[in-house]
Amino acid sequence: FAHDTELALAAAAALVNTDPGAGSGEDTLRTREDL
């Protein structure tokens, strides 16, 4: 895909995967510093 599409897909996946329901069992986006 275009470069910006690939970056946006990767960022969306990374954001989804910060969710503890995503298999890791740990929320990696808890604090403003994490954000």
Full PDB file with SEQRES, HELIX, SHEET, SSBOND, CRYST1, ORIGX, SCALE, CONECT and MASTER records, all heavy atoms in Angstrom:
SEQRES   1 A   35  PHE ALA HIS ASP THR GLU LEU ALA LEU ALA ALA ALA ALA          
SEQRES   2 A   35  ALA LEU VAL ASN THR ASP PRO GLY ALA GLY SER GLY GLU          
SEQRES   3 A   35  ASP THR LEU ARG THR ARG GLU ASP LEU                          
HELIX    1 AA1 HIS A    3  VAL A   16  1                                  14    
HELIX    2 AA2 PRO A   20  ALA A   22  5                                   3    
CRYST1    1.000    1.000    1.000  90.00  90.00  90.00 P 1           1          
ORIGX1      1.000000  0.000000  0.000000        0.00000                         
ORIGX2      0.000000  1.000000  0.000000        0.00000                         
ORIGX3      0.000000  0.000000  1.000000        0.00000                         
SCALE1      1.000000  0.000000  0.000000        0.00000                         
SCALE2      0.000000  1.000000  0.000000        0.00000                         
SCALE3      0.000000  0.000000  1.000000        0.00000                         
ATOM      1  N   PHE A   1       0.852  -1.187   0.000  1.00  0.00           N  
ATOM      2  CA  PHE A   1       0.000   0.000   0.000  1.00  0.00           C  
ATOM      3  C   PHE A   1       0.883   1.231   0.000  1.00  0.00           C  
ATOM      4  O   PHE A   1       2.102   1.135   0.163  1.00  0.00           O  
ATOM      5  CB  PHE A   1      -0.890   0.014   1.254  1.00  0.00           C  
ATOM      6  CG  PHE A   1      -1.787  -1.175   1.378  1.00  0.00           C  
ATOM      7  CD1 PHE A   1      -1.524  -2.169   2.300  1.00  0.00           C  
ATOM      8  CD2 PHE A   1      -2.907  -1.305   0.575  1.00  0.00           C  
ATOM      9  CE1 PHE A   1      -2.347  -3.272   2.420  1.00  0.00           C  
ATOM     10  CE2 PHE A   1      -3.743  -2.405   0.686  1.00  0.00           C  
ATOM     11  CZ  PHE A   1      -3.465  -3.391   1.612  1.00  0.00           C  
ATOM     12  N   ALA A   2       0.268   2.392  -0.135  1.00  0.00           N  
ATOM     13  CA  ALA A   2       1.011   3.640  -0.010  1.00  0.00           C  
ATOM     14  C   ALA A   2       1.629   3.710   1.389  1.00  0.00           C  
ATOM     15  O   ALA A   2       1.110   3.125   2.349  1.00  0.00           O  
ATOM     16  CB  ALA A   2       0.083   4.830  -0.237  1.00  0.00           C  
ATOM     17  N   HIS A   3       2.729   4.418   1.482  1.00  0.00           N  
ATOM     18  CA  HIS A   3       3.478   4.508   2.735  1.00  0.00           C  
ATOM     19  C   HIS A   3       2.592   4.949   3.899  1.00  0.00           C  
ATOM     20  O   HIS A   3       2.655   4.368   4.991  1.00  0.00           O  
ATOM     21  CB  HIS A   3       4.653   5.470   2.545  1.00  0.00           C  
ATOM     22  CG  HIS A   3       5.501   5.640   3.754  1.00  0.00           C  
ATOM     23  ND1 HIS A   3       6.296   4.631   4.247  1.00  0.00           N  
ATOM     24  CD2 HIS A   3       5.664   6.692   4.586  1.00  0.00           C  
ATOM     25  CE1 HIS A   3       6.919   5.053   5.327  1.00  0.00           C  
ATOM     26  NE2 HIS A   3       6.560   6.298   5.552  1.00  0.00           N  
ATOM     27  N   ASP A   4       1.755   5.974   3.691  1.00  0.00           N  
ATOM     28  CA  ASP A   4       0.928   6.466   4.789  1.00  0.00           C  
ATOM     29  C   ASP A   4      -0.130   5.447   5.204  1.00  0.00           C  
ATOM     30  O   ASP A   4      -0.481   5.348   6.380  1.00  0.00           O  
ATOM     31  CB  ASP A   4       0.292   7.822   4.473  1.00  0.00           C  
ATOM     32  CG  ASP A   4      -0.545   7.844   3.215  1.00  0.00           C  
ATOM     33  OD1 ASP A   4      -0.240   7.102   2.260  1.00  0.00           O  
ATOM     34  OD2 ASP A   4      -1.514   8.614   3.171  1.00  0.00           O  
ATOM     35  N   THR A   5      -0.604   4.649   4.258  1.00  0.00           N  
ATOM     36  CA  THR A   5      -1.569   3.598   4.588  1.00  0.00           C  
ATOM     37  C   THR A   5      -0.911   2.543   5.463  1.00  0.00           C  
ATOM     38  O   THR A   5      -1.475   2.126   6.479  1.00  0.00           O  
ATOM     39  CB  THR A   5      -2.137   2.960   3.308  1.00  0.00           C  
ATOM     40  OG1 THR A   5      -2.866   3.958   2.585  1.00  0.00           O  
ATOM     41  CG2 THR A   5      -3.056   1.794   3.621  1.00  0.00           C  
ATOM     42  N   GLU A   6       0.286   2.119   5.086  1.00  0.00           N  
ATOM     43  CA  GLU A   6       0.982   1.109   5.881  1.00  0.00           C  
ATOM     44  C   GLU A   6       1.280   1.624   7.289  1.00  0.00           C  
ATOM     45  O   GLU A   6       1.125   0.889   8.265  1.00  0.00           O  
ATOM     46  CB  GLU A   6       2.252   0.653   5.174  1.00  0.00           C  
ATOM     47  CG  GLU A   6       1.944  -0.156   3.927  1.00  0.00           C  
ATOM     48  CD  GLU A   6       3.162  -0.744   3.244  1.00  0.00           C  
ATOM     49  OE1 GLU A   6       4.299  -0.609   3.783  1.00  0.00           O  
ATOM     50  OE2 GLU A   6       3.000  -1.362   2.183  1.00  0.00           O  
ATOM     51  N   LEU A   7       1.690   2.891   7.389  1.00  0.00           N  
ATOM     52  CA  LEU A   7       1.954   3.462   8.717  1.00  0.00           C  
ATOM     53  C   LEU A   7       0.685   3.532   9.558  1.00  0.00           C  
ATOM     54  O   LEU A   7       0.703   3.214  10.753  1.00  0.00           O  
ATOM     55  CB  LEU A   7       2.564   4.867   8.581  1.00  0.00           C  
ATOM     56  CG  LEU A   7       3.993   4.950   8.072  1.00  0.00           C  
ATOM     57  CD1 LEU A   7       4.408   6.411   7.900  1.00  0.00           C  
ATOM     58  CD2 LEU A   7       4.941   4.231   9.010  1.00  0.00           C  
ATOM     59  N   ALA A   8      -0.412   3.934   8.939  1.00  0.00           N  
ATOM     60  CA  ALA A   8      -1.679   4.048   9.677  1.00  0.00           C  
ATOM     61  C   ALA A   8      -2.187   2.678  10.110  1.00  0.00           C  
ATOM     62  O   ALA A   8      -2.701   2.529  11.228  1.00  0.00           O  
ATOM     63  CB  ALA A   8      -2.726   4.767   8.831  1.00  0.00           C  
ATOM     64  N   LEU A   9      -2.047   1.673   9.257  1.00  0.00           N  
ATOM     65  CA  LEU A   9      -2.456   0.313   9.635  1.00  0.00           C  
ATOM     66  C   LEU A   9      -1.606  -0.205  10.792  1.00  0.00           C  
ATOM     67  O   LEU A   9      -2.126  -0.793  11.749  1.00  0.00           O  
ATOM     68  CB  LEU A   9      -2.345  -0.633   8.443  1.00  0.00           C  
ATOM     69  CG  LEU A   9      -3.366  -0.458   7.330  1.00  0.00           C  
ATOM     70  CD1 LEU A   9      -2.985  -1.302   6.117  1.00  0.00           C  
ATOM     71  CD2 LEU A   9      -4.768  -0.803   7.812  1.00  0.00           C  
ATOM     72  N   ALA A  10      -0.300   0.021  10.703  1.00  0.00           N  
ATOM     73  CA  ALA A  10       0.598  -0.433  11.773  1.00  0.00           C  
ATOM     74  C   ALA A  10       0.283   0.287  13.083  1.00  0.00           C  
ATOM     75  O   ALA A  10       0.274  -0.340  14.151  1.00  0.00           O  
ATOM     76  CB  ALA A  10       2.055  -0.201  11.373  1.00  0.00           C  
ATOM     77  N   ALA A  11       0.009   1.591  13.008  1.00  0.00           N  
ATOM     78  CA  ALA A  11      -0.310   2.354  14.222  1.00  0.00           C  
ATOM     79  C   ALA A  11      -1.636   1.905  14.816  1.00  0.00           C  
ATOM     80  O   ALA A  11      -1.772   1.786  16.041  1.00  0.00           O  
ATOM     81  CB  ALA A  11      -0.340   3.852  13.913  1.00  0.00           C  
ATOM     82  N   ALA A  12      -2.614   1.630  13.966  1.00  0.00           N  
ATOM     83  CA  ALA A  12      -3.909   1.156  14.465  1.00  0.00           C  
ATOM     84  C   ALA A  12      -3.752  -0.205  15.131  1.00  0.00           C  
ATOM     85  O   ALA A  12      -4.305  -0.449  16.211  1.00  0.00           O  
ATOM     86  CB  ALA A  12      -4.925   1.092  13.325  1.00  0.00           C  
ATOM     87  N   ALA A  13      -2.995  -1.098  14.510  1.00  0.00           N  
ATOM     88  CA  ALA A  13      -2.761  -2.416  15.108  1.00  0.00           C  
ATOM     89  C   ALA A  13      -2.018  -2.283  16.428  1.00  0.00           C  
ATOM     90  O   ALA A  13      -2.371  -2.932  17.425  1.00  0.00           O  
ATOM     91  CB  ALA A  13      -1.976  -3.304  14.144  1.00  0.00           C  
ATOM     92  N   ALA A  14      -1.009  -1.427  16.463  1.00  0.00           N  
ATOM     93  CA  ALA A  14      -0.253  -1.225  17.703  1.00  0.00           C  
ATOM     94  C   ALA A  14      -1.159  -0.681  18.802  1.00  0.00           C  
ATOM     95  O   ALA A  14      -1.065  -1.109  19.958  1.00  0.00           O  
ATOM     96  CB  ALA A  14       0.923  -0.280  17.453  1.00  0.00           C  
ATOM     97  N   LEU A  15      -2.055   0.237  18.455  1.00  0.00           N  
ATOM     98  CA  LEU A  15      -2.978   0.785  19.448  1.00  0.00           C  
ATOM     99  C   LEU A  15      -3.923  -0.296  19.961  1.00  0.00           C  
ATOM    100  O   LEU A  15      -4.109  -0.450  21.168  1.00  0.00           O  
ATOM    101  CB  LEU A  15      -3.775   1.955  18.866  1.00  0.00           C  
ATOM    102  CG  LEU A  15      -4.812   2.571  19.809  1.00  0.00           C  
ATOM    103  CD1 LEU A  15      -4.142   3.113  21.082  1.00  0.00           C  
ATOM    104  CD2 LEU A  15      -5.584   3.667  19.094  1.00  0.00           C  
ATOM    105  N   VAL A  16      -4.515  -1.053  19.056  1.00  0.00           N  
ATOM    106  CA  VAL A  16      -5.417  -2.137  19.461  1.00  0.00           C  
ATOM    107  C   VAL A  16      -4.686  -3.105  20.386  1.00  0.00           C  
ATOM    108  O   VAL A  16      -5.227  -3.548  21.397  1.00  0.00           O  
ATOM    109  CB  VAL A  16      -5.974  -2.879  18.228  1.00  0.00           C  
ATOM    110  CG1 VAL A  16      -6.663  -4.181  18.628  1.00  0.00           C  
ATOM    111  CG2 VAL A  16      -6.939  -1.983  17.456  1.00  0.00           C  
ATOM    112  N   ASN A  17      -3.440  -3.406  20.066  1.00  0.00           N  
ATOM    113  CA  ASN A  17      -2.692  -4.405  20.819  1.00  0.00           C  
ATOM    114  C   ASN A  17      -2.172  -3.902  22.164  1.00  0.00           C  
ATOM    115  O   ASN A  17      -1.592  -4.675  22.919  1.00  0.00           O  
ATOM    116  CB  ASN A  17      -1.563  -4.972  19.965  1.00  0.00           C  
ATOM    117  CG  ASN A  17      -2.094  -5.797  18.822  1.00  0.00           C  
ATOM    118  OD1 ASN A  17      -3.216  -6.294  18.855  1.00  0.00           O  
ATOM    119  ND2 ASN A  17      -1.290  -5.939  17.780  1.00  0.00           N  
ATOM    120  N   THR A  18      -2.403  -2.620  22.486  1.00  0.00           N  
ATOM    121  CA  THR A  18      -2.092  -2.141  23.842  1.00  0.00           C  
ATOM    122  C   THR A  18      -3.172  -2.546  24.831  1.00  0.00           C  
ATOM    123  O   THR A  18      -2.982  -2.448  26.032  1.00  0.00           O  
ATOM    124  CB  THR A  18      -1.957  -0.601  23.897  1.00  0.00           C  
ATOM    125  OG1 THR A  18      -3.215   0.011  23.600  1.00  0.00           O  
ATOM    126  CG2 THR A  18      -0.862  -0.093  22.965  1.00  0.00           C  
ATOM    127  N   ASP A  19      -4.297  -3.008  24.315  1.00  0.00           N  
ATOM    128  CA  ASP A  19      -5.449  -3.377  25.143  1.00  0.00           C  
ATOM    129  C   ASP A  19      -5.194  -4.712  25.839  1.00  0.00           C  
ATOM    130  O   ASP A  19      -4.776  -5.668  25.185  1.00  0.00           O  
ATOM    131  CB  ASP A  19      -6.686  -3.480  24.252  1.00  0.00           C  
ATOM    132  CG  ASP A  19      -7.982  -3.557  25.023  1.00  0.00           C  
ATOM    133  OD1 ASP A  19      -7.955  -3.930  26.208  1.00  0.00           O  
ATOM    134  OD2 ASP A  19      -9.020  -3.255  24.434  1.00  0.00           O  
ATOM    135  N   PRO A  20      -5.463  -4.798  27.124  1.00  0.00           N  
ATOM    136  CA  PRO A  20      -5.207  -6.055  27.834  1.00  0.00           C  
ATOM    137  C   PRO A  20      -6.037  -7.217  27.317  1.00  0.00           C  
ATOM    138  O   PRO A  20      -5.653  -8.372  27.475  1.00  0.00           O  
ATOM    139  CB  PRO A  20      -5.561  -5.741  29.284  1.00  0.00           C  
ATOM    140  CG  PRO A  20      -6.429  -4.540  29.225  1.00  0.00           C  
ATOM    141  CD  PRO A  20      -6.016  -3.780  27.990  1.00  0.00           C  
ATOM    142  N   GLY A  21      -7.133  -6.956  26.666  1.00  0.00           N  
ATOM    143  CA  GLY A  21      -7.933  -8.019  26.087  1.00  0.00           C  
ATOM    144  C   GLY A  21      -7.305  -8.577  24.827  1.00  0.00           C  
ATOM    145  O   GLY A  21      -7.807  -9.509  24.229  1.00  0.00           O  
ATOM    146  N   ALA A  22      -6.183  -8.027  24.440  1.00  0.00           N  
ATOM    147  CA  ALA A  22      -5.554  -8.407  23.177  1.00  0.00           C  
ATOM    148  C   ALA A  22      -4.545  -9.531  23.329  1.00  0.00           C  
ATOM    149  O   ALA A  22      -3.714  -9.729  22.469  1.00  0.00           O  
ATOM    150  CB  ALA A  22      -4.880  -7.178  22.556  1.00  0.00           C  
ATOM    151  N   GLY A  23      -4.593 -10.257  24.422  1.00  0.00           N  
ATOM    152  CA  GLY A  23      -3.729 -11.418  24.537  1.00  0.00           C  
ATOM    153  C   GLY A  23      -2.555 -11.257  25.474  1.00  0.00           C  
ATOM    154  O   GLY A  23      -2.076 -12.219  26.030  1.00  0.00           O  
ATOM    155  N   SER A  24      -2.081 -10.031  25.660  1.00  0.00           N  
ATOM    156  CA  SER A  24      -0.906  -9.857  26.504  1.00  0.00           C  
ATOM    157  C   SER A  24      -1.264  -9.901  27.980  1.00  0.00           C  
ATOM    158  O   SER A  24      -0.420 -10.185  28.820  1.00  0.00           O  
ATOM    159  CB  SER A  24      -0.220  -8.527  26.200  1.00  0.00           C  
ATOM    160  OG  SER A  24      -1.026  -7.449  26.638  1.00  0.00           O  
ATOM    161  N   GLY A  25      -2.507  -9.600  28.287  1.00  0.00           N  
ATOM    162  CA  GLY A  25      -2.928  -9.570  29.680  1.00  0.00           C  
ATOM    163  C   GLY A  25      -2.486  -8.323  30.414  1.00  0.00           C  
ATOM    164  O   GLY A  25      -2.779  -8.154  31.590  1.00  0.00           O  
ATOM    165  N   GLU A  26      -1.789  -7.435  29.738  1.00  0.00           N  
ATOM    166  CA  GLU A  26      -1.285  -6.232  30.388  1.00  0.00           C  
ATOM    167  C   GLU A  26      -1.629  -5.013  29.535  1.00  0.00           C  
ATOM    168  O   GLU A  26      -1.336  -4.976  28.341  1.00  0.00           O  
ATOM    169  CB  GLU A  26       0.227  -6.335  30.558  1.00  0.00           C  
ATOM    170  CG  GLU A  26       0.839  -5.146  31.231  1.00  0.00           C  
ATOM    171  CD  GLU A  26       2.354  -5.275  31.355  1.00  0.00           C  
ATOM    172  OE1 GLU A  26       2.863  -6.401  31.284  1.00  0.00           O  
ATOM    173  OE2 GLU A  26       3.001  -4.231  31.494  1.00  0.00           O  
ATOM    174  N   ASP A  27      -2.243  -4.034  30.150  1.00  0.00           N  
ATOM    175  CA  ASP A  27      -2.556  -2.788  29.466  1.00  0.00           C  
ATOM    176  C   ASP A  27      -1.282  -1.961  29.389  1.00  0.00           C  
ATOM    177  O   ASP A  27      -0.721  -1.583  30.419  1.00  0.00           O  
ATOM    178  CB  ASP A  27      -3.646  -2.035  30.228  1.00  0.00           C  
ATOM    179  CG  ASP A  27      -4.173  -0.841  29.474  1.00  0.00           C  
ATOM    180  OD1 ASP A  27      -3.472  -0.329  28.581  1.00  0.00           O  
ATOM    181  OD2 ASP A  27      -5.292  -0.399  29.787  1.00  0.00           O  
ATOM    182  N   THR A  28      -0.811  -1.700  28.201  1.00  0.00           N  
ATOM    183  CA  THR A  28       0.422  -0.930  28.041  1.00  0.00           C  
ATOM    184  C   THR A  28       0.153   0.533  27.703  1.00  0.00           C  
ATOM    185  O   THR A  28       1.064   1.247  27.290  1.00  0.00           O  
ATOM    186  CB  THR A  28       1.323  -1.568  26.967  1.00  0.00           C  
ATOM    187  OG1 THR A  28       0.606  -1.627  25.737  1.00  0.00           O  
ATOM    188  CG2 THR A  28       1.772  -2.958  27.382  1.00  0.00           C  
ATOM    189  N   LEU A  29      -1.089   0.969  27.898  1.00  0.00           N  
ATOM    190  CA  LEU A  29      -1.456   2.360  27.653  1.00  0.00           C  
ATOM    191  C   LEU A  29      -2.277   2.855  28.849  1.00  0.00           C  
ATOM    192  O   LEU A  29      -3.458   3.139  28.734  1.00  0.00           O  
ATOM    193  CB  LEU A  29      -2.245   2.481  26.346  1.00  0.00           C  
ATOM    194  CG  LEU A  29      -2.435   3.873  25.763  1.00  0.00           C  
ATOM    195  CD1 LEU A  29      -1.095   4.522  25.459  1.00  0.00           C  
ATOM    196  CD2 LEU A  29      -3.268   3.805  24.509  1.00  0.00           C  
ATOM    197  N   ARG A  30      -1.634   2.911  30.022  1.00  0.00           N  
ATOM    198  CA  ARG A  30      -2.331   3.262  31.259  1.00  0.00           C  
ATOM    199  C   ARG A  30      -2.159   4.717  31.666  1.00  0.00           C  
ATOM    200  O   ARG A  30      -3.042   5.287  32.269  1.00  0.00           O  
ATOM    201  CB  ARG A  30      -1.845   2.370  32.403  1.00  0.00           C  
ATOM    202  CG  ARG A  30      -2.167   0.912  32.233  1.00  0.00           C  
ATOM    203  CD  ARG A  30      -1.708   0.102  33.448  1.00  0.00           C  
ATOM    204  NE  ARG A  30      -0.388   0.479  33.907  1.00  0.00           N  
ATOM    205  CZ  ARG A  30       0.730  -0.190  33.633  1.00  0.00           C  
ATOM    206  NH1 ARG A  30       0.684  -1.276  32.921  1.00  0.00           N  
ATOM    207  NH2 ARG A  30       1.887   0.231  34.084  1.00  0.00           N  
ATOM    208  N   THR A  31      -1.023   5.288  31.357  1.00  0.00           N  
ATOM    209  CA  THR A  31      -0.714   6.626  31.850  1.00  0.00           C  
ATOM    210  C   THR A  31      -0.502   7.596  30.697  1.00  0.00           C  
ATOM    211  O   THR A  31      -0.312   7.190  29.543  1.00  0.00           O  
ATOM    212  CB  THR A  31       0.572   6.605  32.709  1.00  0.00           C  
ATOM    213  OG1 THR A  31       1.690   6.292  31.858  1.00  0.00           O  
ATOM    214  CG2 THR A  31       0.474   5.577  33.848  1.00  0.00           C  
ATOM    215  N   ARG A  32      -0.489   8.867  31.041  1.00  0.00           N  
ATOM    216  CA  ARG A  32      -0.208   9.874  30.017  1.00  0.00           C  
ATOM    217  C   ARG A  32       1.200   9.698  29.458  1.00  0.00           C  
ATOM    218  O   ARG A  32       1.440   9.933  28.277  1.00  0.00           O  
ATOM    219  CB  ARG A  32      -0.407  11.268  30.594  1.00  0.00           C  
ATOM    220  CG  ARG A  32      -1.880  11.538  30.905  1.00  0.00           C  
ATOM    221  CD  ARG A  32      -2.103  12.901  31.451  1.00  0.00           C  
ATOM    222  NE  ARG A  32      -1.432  12.993  32.751  1.00  0.00           N  
ATOM    223  CZ  ARG A  32      -1.809  13.796  33.717  1.00  0.00           C  
ATOM    224  NH1 ARG A  32      -2.815  14.603  33.552  1.00  0.00           N  
ATOM    225  NH2 ARG A  32      -1.155  13.835  34.854  1.00  0.00           N  
ATOM    226  N   GLU A  33       2.130   9.250  30.304  1.00  0.00           N  
ATOM    227  CA  GLU A  33       3.491   8.985  29.837  1.00  0.00           C  
ATOM    228  C   GLU A  33       3.500   7.830  28.834  1.00  0.00           C  
ATOM    229  O   GLU A  33       4.239   7.864  27.854  1.00  0.00           O  
ATOM    230  CB  GLU A  33       4.416   8.674  31.021  1.00  0.00           C  
ATOM    231  CG  GLU A  33       4.667   9.855  31.938  1.00  0.00           C  
ATOM    232  CD  GLU A  33       3.504  10.153  32.896  1.00  0.00           C  
ATOM    233  OE1 GLU A  33       2.650   9.267  33.145  1.00  0.00           O  
ATOM    234  OE2 GLU A  33       3.447  11.297  33.383  1.00  0.00           O  
ATOM    235  N   ASP A  34       2.679   6.802  29.113  1.00  0.00           N  
ATOM    236  CA  ASP A  34       2.557   5.692  28.155  1.00  0.00           C  
ATOM    237  C   ASP A  34       2.052   6.207  26.812  1.00  0.00           C  
ATOM    238  O   ASP A  34       2.522   5.771  25.760  1.00  0.00           O  
ATOM    239  CB  ASP A  34       1.584   4.628  28.665  1.00  0.00           C  
ATOM    240  CG  ASP A  34       2.080   3.871  29.883  1.00  0.00           C  
ATOM    241  OD1 ASP A  34       3.299   3.872  30.154  1.00  0.00           O  
ATOM    242  OD2 ASP A  34       1.222   3.269  30.577  1.00  0.00           O  
ATOM    243  N   LEU A  35       1.094   7.131  26.865  1.00  0.00           N  
ATOM    244  CA  LEU A  35       0.537   7.682  25.627  1.00  0.00           C  
ATOM    245  C   LEU A  35       1.599   8.451  24.854  1.00  0.00           C  
ATOM    246  O   LEU A  35       1.739   8.277  23.640  1.00  0.00           O  
ATOM    247  CB  LEU A  35      -0.674   8.572  25.904  1.00  0.00           C  
ATOM    248  CG  LEU A  35      -1.303   9.233  24.681  1.00  0.00           C  
ATOM    249  CD1 LEU A  35      -1.789   8.194  23.678  1.00  0.00           C  
ATOM    250  CD2 LEU A  35      -2.448  10.154  25.111  1.00  0.00           C  
TER     251      LEU A  35                                                      
MASTER        0    0    0    2    0    0    0    6  250    1    0    3          
END                                                                             
